[in-house]
Amino acid sequence: MTDPIVPEPTPYAPTPSAANPTPVLSIISMIVGILGFLIGFFGLGLLFAIGAVVLGHLGKRKEPGAKGFWLTGLITGYVGILINVIVIAFWIIATIALVNSGNSYYQ
């Protein structure tokens, strides 16, 4: 009896594929944007919101595959800037109105 000729298996080494780098700028943009948005209701998140916009635009240019992260950072950053400006303007107007109200104990 003859055995059918079976080729010997050749050692197979899978070629390593290039790992996708972690979209650090985009993730930080999203986190800082959400933080700036939430803290913005107290008027304290302006720097966080501006940082989210800057990092979001950098992420858009350097990490186009992480669109969900940098887009969230941009949206929350711009909305956070708007909320912060409104809250800060309110506090400035309220302070000016209080100072000029004439109901002061120092008169």
N, C-alpha and C. Protein backbone atom coordinates (compact mmCIF):
# COMPACT_ATOMS: atom_id res chain seq x y z
N MET A 1 0.83 -1.16 0.00
CA MET A 1 0.00 0.00 0.00
C MET A 1 0.88 1.24 0.00
N THR A 2 0.51 2.11 -0.78
CA THR A 2 1.27 3.35 -0.82
C THR A 2 0.45 4.46 -0.19
N ASP A 3 1.15 5.20 0.58
CA ASP A 3 0.48 6.34 1.21
C ASP A 3 0.44 7.50 0.22
N PRO A 4 -0.65 8.25 0.27
CA PRO A 4 -0.67 9.42 -0.61
C PRO A 4 0.40 10.41 -0.16
N ILE A 5 0.93 11.09 -1.09
CA ILE A 5 1.99 12.04 -0.78
C ILE A 5 1.35 13.28 -0.16
N VAL A 6 1.73 13.50 1.06
CA VAL A 6 1.24 14.67 1.79
C VAL A 6 2.41 15.59 2.01
N PRO A 7 2.29 16.83 1.56
CA PRO A 7 3.42 17.74 1.77
C PRO A 7 3.61 18.03 3.24
N GLU A 8 4.84 18.15 3.60
CA GLU A 8 5.12 18.48 5.00
C GLU A 8 4.70 19.91 5.29
N PRO A 9 4.13 20.12 6.45
CA PRO A 9 3.74 21.51 6.77
C PRO A 9 4.97 22.38 6.97
N THR A 10 4.89 23.54 6.41
CA THR A 10 5.99 24.48 6.58
C THR A 10 5.70 25.33 7.82
N PRO A 11 6.72 25.68 8.51
CA PRO A 11 6.47 26.52 9.69
C PRO A 11 5.91 27.86 9.26
N TYR A 12 4.84 28.23 9.88
CA TYR A 12 4.15 29.47 9.54
C TYR A 12 4.35 30.48 10.64
N ALA A 13 4.91 31.56 10.27
CA ALA A 13 5.08 32.65 11.23
C ALA A 13 4.22 33.83 10.75
N PRO A 14 3.20 34.15 11.49
CA PRO A 14 2.35 35.26 11.04
C PRO A 14 3.14 36.56 11.05
N THR A 15 2.90 37.33 10.05
CA THR A 15 3.59 38.62 9.99
C THR A 15 2.91 39.58 10.96
N PRO A 16 3.69 40.20 11.79
CA PRO A 16 3.07 41.12 12.75
C PRO A 16 2.54 42.36 12.03
N SER A 17 1.32 42.68 12.33
CA SER A 17 0.74 43.88 11.74
C SER A 17 1.08 45.08 12.63
N ALA A 18 1.10 46.21 12.03
CA ALA A 18 1.40 47.42 12.80
C ALA A 18 0.23 47.71 13.73
N ALA A 19 0.53 47.82 14.98
CA ALA A 19 -0.51 48.08 15.97
C ALA A 19 -0.95 49.53 15.84
N ASN A 20 -2.25 49.73 15.96
CA ASN A 20 -2.77 51.09 15.90
C ASN A 20 -2.38 51.82 17.17
N PRO A 21 -1.78 53.00 17.03
CA PRO A 21 -1.41 53.73 18.23
C PRO A 21 -2.66 54.23 18.96
N THR A 22 -2.54 54.33 20.24
CA THR A 22 -3.66 54.82 21.05
C THR A 22 -3.86 56.30 20.78
N PRO A 23 -5.10 56.71 20.50
CA PRO A 23 -5.36 58.12 20.21
C PRO A 23 -5.36 58.98 21.47
N VAL A 24 -4.19 59.25 21.99
CA VAL A 24 -4.05 59.93 23.28
C VAL A 24 -4.63 61.33 23.25
N LEU A 25 -4.28 62.11 22.23
CA LEU A 25 -4.77 63.49 22.16
C LEU A 25 -6.29 63.55 22.11
N SER A 26 -6.88 62.67 21.34
CA SER A 26 -8.33 62.67 21.19
C SER A 26 -9.03 62.25 22.48
N ILE A 27 -8.49 61.26 23.16
CA ILE A 27 -9.10 60.81 24.41
C ILE A 27 -8.99 61.89 25.48
N ILE A 28 -7.83 62.53 25.59
CA ILE A 28 -7.66 63.60 26.57
C ILE A 28 -8.58 64.76 26.22
N SER A 29 -8.74 65.07 24.93
CA SER A 29 -9.64 66.13 24.50
C SER A 29 -11.06 65.84 24.96
N MET A 30 -11.51 64.61 24.80
CA MET A 30 -12.86 64.25 25.21
C MET A 30 -13.03 64.38 26.72
N ILE A 31 -12.08 63.87 27.48
CA ILE A 31 -12.18 63.90 28.94
C ILE A 31 -12.16 65.34 29.45
N VAL A 32 -11.23 66.14 28.94
CA VAL A 32 -11.11 67.53 29.39
C VAL A 32 -12.32 68.35 28.93
N GLY A 33 -12.87 68.02 27.76
CA GLY A 33 -14.07 68.71 27.28
C GLY A 33 -15.27 68.45 28.15
N ILE A 34 -15.46 67.20 28.54
CA ILE A 34 -16.58 66.87 29.43
C ILE A 34 -16.38 67.55 30.79
N LEU A 35 -15.16 67.54 31.28
CA LEU A 35 -14.87 68.20 32.55
C LEU A 35 -15.12 69.70 32.46
N GLY A 36 -14.66 70.34 31.39
CA GLY A 36 -14.89 71.77 31.21
C GLY A 36 -16.36 72.11 31.07
N PHE A 37 -17.11 71.23 30.44
CA PHE A 37 -18.55 71.44 30.30
C PHE A 37 -19.25 71.37 31.65
N LEU A 38 -18.93 70.34 32.43
CA LEU A 38 -19.60 70.16 33.72
C LEU A 38 -19.20 71.23 34.74
N ILE A 39 -17.92 71.56 34.81
CA ILE A 39 -17.46 72.58 35.75
C ILE A 39 -17.87 73.97 35.27
N GLY A 40 -18.20 74.08 33.99
CA GLY A 40 -18.59 75.37 33.42
C GLY A 40 -19.84 75.96 34.04
N PHE A 41 -20.70 75.13 34.59
CA PHE A 41 -21.92 75.64 35.23
C PHE A 41 -21.60 76.43 36.50
N PHE A 42 -20.38 76.29 36.99
CA PHE A 42 -19.93 77.07 38.14
C PHE A 42 -18.98 78.19 37.72
N GLY A 43 -18.69 78.28 36.42
CA GLY A 43 -17.81 79.31 35.90
C GLY A 43 -16.34 79.02 36.11
N LEU A 44 -15.98 77.78 36.36
CA LEU A 44 -14.59 77.43 36.67
C LEU A 44 -13.92 76.56 35.62
N GLY A 45 -14.59 76.27 34.52
CA GLY A 45 -14.04 75.32 33.57
C GLY A 45 -13.56 75.91 32.26
N LEU A 46 -13.31 77.20 32.22
CA LEU A 46 -12.93 77.84 30.96
C LEU A 46 -11.61 77.29 30.42
N LEU A 47 -10.62 77.13 31.26
CA LEU A 47 -9.33 76.60 30.79
C LEU A 47 -9.45 75.16 30.31
N PHE A 48 -10.28 74.37 30.97
CA PHE A 48 -10.49 72.99 30.53
C PHE A 48 -11.16 72.97 29.16
N ALA A 49 -12.15 73.83 28.96
CA ALA A 49 -12.87 73.86 27.69
C ALA A 49 -11.95 74.33 26.56
N ILE A 50 -11.13 75.33 26.81
CA ILE A 50 -10.19 75.79 25.79
C ILE A 50 -9.18 74.69 25.47
N GLY A 51 -8.71 74.00 26.50
CA GLY A 51 -7.79 72.88 26.28
C GLY A 51 -8.41 71.77 25.45
N ALA A 52 -9.70 71.52 25.67
CA ALA A 52 -10.39 70.49 24.89
C ALA A 52 -10.47 70.87 23.42
N VAL A 53 -10.71 72.14 23.14
CA VAL A 53 -10.79 72.59 21.75
C VAL A 53 -9.42 72.47 21.08
N VAL A 54 -8.38 72.89 21.77
CA VAL A 54 -7.04 72.81 21.19
C VAL A 54 -6.65 71.36 20.94
N LEU A 55 -6.83 70.52 21.94
CA LEU A 55 -6.48 69.10 21.78
C LEU A 55 -7.37 68.41 20.75
N GLY A 56 -8.63 68.83 20.66
CA GLY A 56 -9.52 68.26 19.66
C GLY A 56 -9.07 68.56 18.24
N HIS A 57 -8.62 69.79 18.01
CA HIS A 57 -8.12 70.13 16.68
C HIS A 57 -6.80 69.42 16.38
N LEU A 58 -5.94 69.27 17.38
CA LEU A 58 -4.71 68.50 17.18
C LEU A 58 -5.02 67.03 16.90
N GLY A 59 -5.98 66.48 17.63
CA GLY A 59 -6.38 65.10 17.40
C GLY A 59 -7.00 64.90 16.03
N LYS A 60 -7.75 65.89 15.57
CA LYS A 60 -8.35 65.81 14.24
C LYS A 60 -7.28 65.72 13.16
N ARG A 61 -6.22 66.48 13.34
CA ARG A 61 -5.14 66.50 12.34
C ARG A 61 -4.26 65.26 12.44
N LYS A 62 -3.92 64.83 13.67
CA LYS A 62 -2.94 63.76 13.83
C LYS A 62 -3.56 62.37 14.00
N GLU A 63 -4.81 62.30 14.44
CA GLU A 63 -5.45 61.01 14.69
C GLU A 63 -6.84 60.97 14.04
N PRO A 64 -6.91 60.96 12.71
CA PRO A 64 -8.21 61.02 12.05
C PRO A 64 -9.07 59.78 12.29
N GLY A 65 -8.47 58.67 12.69
CA GLY A 65 -9.23 57.47 12.95
C GLY A 65 -10.02 57.50 14.24
N ALA A 66 -9.71 58.42 15.11
CA ALA A 66 -10.38 58.52 16.41
C ALA A 66 -11.43 59.63 16.37
N LYS A 67 -12.23 59.64 15.32
CA LYS A 67 -13.17 60.74 15.10
C LYS A 67 -14.15 60.91 16.26
N GLY A 68 -14.62 59.84 16.83
CA GLY A 68 -15.58 59.95 17.92
C GLY A 68 -15.02 60.68 19.13
N PHE A 69 -13.75 60.43 19.44
CA PHE A 69 -13.13 61.06 20.60
C PHE A 69 -12.89 62.55 20.37
N TRP A 70 -12.21 62.90 19.26
CA TRP A 70 -11.89 64.31 19.07
C TRP A 70 -13.12 65.14 18.74
N LEU A 71 -14.13 64.53 18.10
CA LEU A 71 -15.35 65.28 17.82
C LEU A 71 -16.11 65.57 19.11
N THR A 72 -16.14 64.61 20.02
CA THR A 72 -16.76 64.84 21.32
C THR A 72 -16.00 65.91 22.09
N GLY A 73 -14.67 65.88 22.02
CA GLY A 73 -13.87 66.91 22.68
C GLY A 73 -14.14 68.29 22.11
N LEU A 74 -14.26 68.39 20.79
CA LEU A 74 -14.53 69.69 20.17
C LEU A 74 -15.92 70.22 20.55
N ILE A 75 -16.91 69.36 20.48
CA ILE A 75 -18.28 69.80 20.78
C ILE A 75 -18.40 70.22 22.24
N THR A 76 -17.94 69.37 23.14
CA THR A 76 -18.05 69.72 24.57
C THR A 76 -17.16 70.90 24.92
N GLY A 77 -16.03 71.05 24.21
CA GLY A 77 -15.15 72.19 24.45
C GLY A 77 -15.80 73.50 24.05
N TYR A 78 -16.37 73.55 22.86
CA TYR A 78 -17.02 74.79 22.40
C TYR A 78 -18.26 75.12 23.24
N VAL A 79 -19.05 74.11 23.58
CA VAL A 79 -20.22 74.35 24.43
C VAL A 79 -19.77 74.76 25.83
N GLY A 80 -18.70 74.17 26.32
CA GLY A 80 -18.16 74.54 27.63
C GLY A 80 -17.67 75.98 27.65
N ILE A 81 -17.02 76.42 26.57
CA ILE A 81 -16.59 77.82 26.49
C ILE A 81 -17.80 78.74 26.55
N LEU A 82 -18.84 78.41 25.80
CA LEU A 82 -20.05 79.22 25.79
C LEU A 82 -20.69 79.29 27.18
N ILE A 83 -20.82 78.16 27.83
CA ILE A 83 -21.43 78.13 29.17
C ILE A 83 -20.58 78.92 30.16
N ASN A 84 -19.27 78.73 30.11
CA ASN A 84 -18.38 79.46 31.02
C ASN A 84 -18.47 80.96 30.83
N VAL A 85 -18.49 81.40 29.58
CA VAL A 85 -18.58 82.84 29.31
C VAL A 85 -19.91 83.40 29.83
N ILE A 86 -20.99 82.67 29.63
CA ILE A 86 -22.29 83.13 30.12
C ILE A 86 -22.31 83.21 31.64
N VAL A 87 -21.80 82.19 32.31
CA VAL A 87 -21.81 82.16 33.77
C VAL A 87 -20.89 83.26 34.33
N ILE A 88 -19.72 83.42 33.75
CA ILE A 88 -18.80 84.46 34.23
C ILE A 88 -19.39 85.84 34.00
N ALA A 89 -20.04 86.07 32.85
CA ALA A 89 -20.69 87.35 32.59
C ALA A 89 -21.82 87.60 33.60
N PHE A 90 -22.56 86.56 33.93
CA PHE A 90 -23.62 86.70 34.92
C PHE A 90 -23.06 87.13 36.27
N TRP A 91 -21.97 86.48 36.69
CA TRP A 91 -21.38 86.82 37.99
C TRP A 91 -20.79 88.23 37.99
N ILE A 92 -20.23 88.66 36.89
CA ILE A 92 -19.71 90.03 36.82
C ILE A 92 -20.85 91.04 36.90
N ILE A 93 -21.92 90.79 36.14
CA ILE A 93 -23.07 91.70 36.17
C ILE A 93 -23.73 91.70 37.55
N ALA A 94 -23.85 90.55 38.17
CA ALA A 94 -24.45 90.47 39.50
C ALA A 94 -23.59 91.20 40.53
N THR A 95 -22.29 91.07 40.41
CA THR A 95 -21.39 91.77 41.35
C THR A 95 -21.49 93.28 41.16
N ILE A 96 -21.51 93.73 39.93
CA ILE A 96 -21.63 95.17 39.68
C ILE A 96 -22.96 95.70 40.19
N ALA A 97 -24.03 94.94 39.96
CA ALA A 97 -25.34 95.36 40.44
C ALA A 97 -25.39 95.40 41.96
N LEU A 98 -24.74 94.46 42.61
CA LEU A 98 -24.72 94.44 44.07
C LEU A 98 -23.92 95.61 44.63
N VAL A 99 -22.80 95.92 43.99
CA VAL A 99 -21.97 97.03 44.47
C VAL A 99 -22.70 98.36 44.28
N ASN A 100 -23.42 98.50 43.20
CA ASN A 100 -24.11 99.76 42.90
C ASN A 100 -25.53 99.83 43.45
N SER A 101 -25.93 98.87 44.23
CA SER A 101 -27.32 98.84 44.70
C SER A 101 -27.58 99.88 45.79
N GLY A 102 -26.57 100.33 46.47
CA GLY A 102 -26.75 101.34 47.52
C GLY A 102 -27.11 100.76 48.85
N ASN A 103 -27.27 99.47 48.95
CA ASN A 103 -27.58 98.83 50.22
C ASN A 103 -26.30 98.33 50.86
N SER A 104 -25.45 99.25 51.20
CA SER A 104 -24.17 98.86 51.74
C SER A 104 -24.09 99.28 53.20
N TYR A 105 -23.42 98.49 53.97
CA TYR A 105 -23.26 98.81 55.39
C TYR A 105 -22.15 99.85 55.60
N TYR A 106 -21.42 100.16 54.55
CA TYR A 106 -20.27 101.05 54.68
C TYR A 106 -20.57 102.48 54.28
N GLN A 107 -21.80 102.86 54.12
CA GLN A 107 -22.12 104.22 53.70
C GLN A 107 -22.19 105.14 54.88
